[in-house]
Amino acid sequence: MEEFFGGFLSGPPEPVQLRLSRRVLKRLRVLGIRNICITDHDENFGPYLKYYVNKRSAIYKQITENLAFLADILLLAKDTKEMLLRDERSLVLMEFLDRQGLRLAIVETTKEFRDNAIDFLGRLVEMINDNLIYEEIMSAIERIIEAAD
């Protein structure tokens, strides 16, 4: 029985931290970016968090503590590109990475840094598109930061 249901019972893959250099992390903080999350979709599990930068951010905690939250974000992202979390400090910007609306790039920031984060997110989505290879995402973030310096 377990062989048959094993794939369904194991849960989604564990999220992977994007191990950025200290220089890049510092520059992200200067831009007001608290976290970057990339989601993916699996036919067995549905949407799941694939990559993240900061484990201590509000959006990371929401996604990992409540799997339904990510499904809600995907639904919201079809109609809006931003939302304010309950703490009323964290602004979440989101943009789809694919045409099907299953993969999402999420940037957590604050209202004060909204414009910086929108610009960053737009460039990130343009660079990685539907390519969720770890090295490609890391490279895209680093190139965006270098261009901003």
Protein backbone atom coordinates (compact mmCIF):
# COMPACT_ATOMS: atom_id res chain seq x y z
CA MET A 1 0.00 0.00 0.00
CA GLU A 2 2.81 2.42 0.90
CA GLU A 3 4.49 1.82 -2.49
CA PHE A 4 1.30 2.93 -4.18
CA PHE A 5 0.67 6.02 -2.03
CA GLY A 6 4.30 6.77 -1.13
CA GLY A 7 4.57 9.71 -3.52
CA PHE A 8 1.38 11.27 -2.18
CA LEU A 9 2.16 10.75 1.49
CA SER A 10 5.69 12.12 1.45
CA GLY A 11 4.68 15.75 0.95
CA PRO A 12 6.16 18.44 -1.27
CA PRO A 13 9.93 18.81 -1.69
CA GLU A 14 11.72 20.83 0.98
CA PRO A 15 12.42 24.44 -0.01
CA VAL A 16 16.03 25.28 -0.86
CA GLN A 17 17.73 28.41 0.44
CA LEU A 18 19.36 30.63 -2.17
CA ARG A 19 22.87 31.04 -0.74
CA LEU A 20 23.72 34.55 -1.86
CA SER A 21 26.95 36.34 -1.01
CA ARG A 22 27.02 38.79 1.89
CA ARG A 23 27.47 41.65 -0.56
CA VAL A 24 24.31 40.67 -2.46
CA LEU A 25 22.32 40.15 0.75
CA LYS A 26 23.42 43.56 2.03
CA ARG A 27 22.42 45.20 -1.25
CA LEU A 28 19.01 43.49 -1.13
CA ARG A 29 18.50 44.93 2.38
CA VAL A 30 19.46 48.40 1.12
CA LEU A 31 16.84 48.00 -1.62
CA GLY A 32 14.31 47.06 1.08
CA ILE A 33 13.91 43.46 -0.07
CA ARG A 34 13.29 41.20 2.92
CA ASN A 35 12.85 37.96 1.02
CA ILE A 36 12.62 36.40 -2.42
CA CYS A 37 10.55 33.25 -2.82
CA ILE A 38 10.13 31.16 -5.95
CA THR A 39 7.28 28.68 -6.10
CA ASP A 40 6.79 25.67 -8.33
CA HIS A 41 3.96 23.25 -8.97
CA ASP A 42 3.87 19.48 -8.73
CA GLU A 43 0.96 17.43 -10.04
CA ASN A 44 0.94 15.31 -6.87
CA PHE A 45 1.25 18.11 -4.29
CA GLY A 46 0.11 21.26 -6.01
CA PRO A 47 2.00 24.51 -5.41
CA TYR A 48 5.05 24.47 -3.15
CA LEU A 49 7.89 26.75 -2.13
CA LYS A 50 10.97 25.84 -4.18
CA TYR A 51 13.52 28.56 -3.28
CA TYR A 52 13.79 31.30 -0.67
CA VAL A 53 16.40 33.74 0.64
CA ASN A 54 15.38 34.43 4.26
CA LYS A 55 13.84 31.89 6.62
CA ARG A 56 12.91 34.57 9.18
CA SER A 57 10.62 36.61 6.98
CA ALA A 58 6.86 36.87 7.41
CA ILE A 59 6.05 35.42 3.98
CA TYR A 60 8.33 32.40 4.47
CA LYS A 61 6.66 31.61 7.79
CA GLN A 62 3.17 31.98 6.32
CA ILE A 63 3.94 29.69 3.39
CA THR A 64 5.68 26.97 5.40
CA GLU A 65 3.21 26.95 8.29
CA ASN A 66 0.09 26.85 6.12
CA LEU A 67 0.23 25.06 2.76
CA ALA A 68 -3.17 26.46 1.77
CA PHE A 69 -1.72 29.98 2.03
CA LEU A 70 0.39 29.41 -1.08
CA ALA A 71 -2.63 28.20 -3.04
CA ASP A 72 -4.44 31.37 -1.94
CA ILE A 73 -1.52 33.52 -3.15
CA LEU A 74 -1.64 31.82 -6.54
CA LEU A 75 -5.34 32.63 -6.82
CA LEU A 76 -4.78 36.23 -5.71
CA ALA A 77 -1.90 36.68 -8.16
CA LYS A 78 -4.31 36.20 -11.05
CA ASP A 79 -6.05 39.45 -10.10
CA THR A 80 -3.45 41.49 -8.23
CA LYS A 81 0.31 41.93 -8.07
CA GLU A 82 0.61 42.95 -4.43
CA MET A 83 -0.90 42.42 -1.01
CA LEU A 84 -0.28 43.61 2.52
CA LEU A 85 0.17 40.92 5.16
CA ARG A 86 -1.70 40.97 8.46
CA ASP A 87 1.28 42.51 10.26
CA GLU A 88 0.57 45.59 8.06
CA ARG A 89 4.30 46.09 7.51
CA SER A 90 5.09 43.37 5.00
CA LEU A 91 4.15 44.11 1.43
CA VAL A 92 4.20 41.07 -0.84
CA LEU A 93 4.69 41.54 -4.56
CA MET A 94 4.07 38.63 -6.90
CA GLU A 95 4.39 37.87 -10.57
CA PHE A 96 3.88 34.69 -12.55
CA LEU A 97 6.89 33.00 -14.15
CA ASP A 98 4.86 30.89 -16.58
CA ARG A 99 1.81 31.27 -18.78
CA GLN A 100 -0.17 28.59 -16.95
CA GLY A 101 -0.03 30.57 -13.70
CA LEU A 102 1.56 27.75 -11.69
CA ARG A 103 5.00 29.21 -10.92
CA LEU A 104 5.37 32.45 -9.01
CA ALA A 105 8.13 34.86 -8.02
CA ILE A 106 7.40 36.59 -4.70
CA VAL A 107 9.27 39.53 -3.19
CA GLU A 108 8.63 40.65 0.37
CA THR A 109 9.31 44.30 1.14
CA THR A 110 7.69 47.24 2.94
CA LYS A 111 5.51 50.04 1.59
CA GLU A 112 8.45 52.46 1.69
CA PHE A 113 10.51 50.31 -0.69
CA ARG A 114 7.66 49.30 -3.00
CA ASP A 115 9.09 50.91 -6.15
CA ASN A 116 12.54 49.32 -5.67
CA ALA A 117 10.96 45.92 -5.13
CA ILE A 118 8.66 46.23 -8.16
CA ASP A 119 11.65 47.08 -10.34
CA PHE A 120 13.67 44.18 -8.90
CA LEU A 121 10.82 41.70 -9.35
CA GLY A 122 10.22 42.78 -12.95
CA ARG A 123 13.88 42.28 -13.82
CA LEU A 124 14.00 38.93 -12.03
CA VAL A 125 10.96 37.57 -13.85
CA GLU A 126 12.32 38.80 -17.18
CA MET A 127 15.68 37.09 -16.56
CA ILE A 128 14.56 33.73 -15.21
CA ASN A 129 11.24 33.44 -17.02
CA ASP A 130 10.20 29.79 -16.61
CA ASN A 131 13.73 28.56 -15.81
CA LEU A 132 13.84 27.35 -12.19
CA ILE A 133 17.41 26.04 -12.19
CA TYR A 134 19.14 27.07 -8.95
CA GLU A 135 22.25 28.46 -10.66
CA GLU A 136 20.19 30.50 -13.13
CA ILE A 137 18.18 32.13 -10.35
CA MET A 138 21.33 32.90 -8.35
CA SER A 139 22.98 34.38 -11.43
CA ALA A 140 19.94 36.51 -12.25
CA ILE A 141 19.79 37.97 -8.73
CA GLU A 142 23.52 38.74 -8.78
CA ARG A 143 23.28 40.42 -12.22
CA ILE A 144 20.36 42.58 -11.08
CA ILE A 145 22.32 43.68 -8.00
CA GLU A 146 25.45 44.42 -10.06
CA ALA A 147 23.41 46.54 -12.47
CA ALA A 148 21.90 48.44 -9.52
CA ASP A 149 25.34 49.34 -8.08
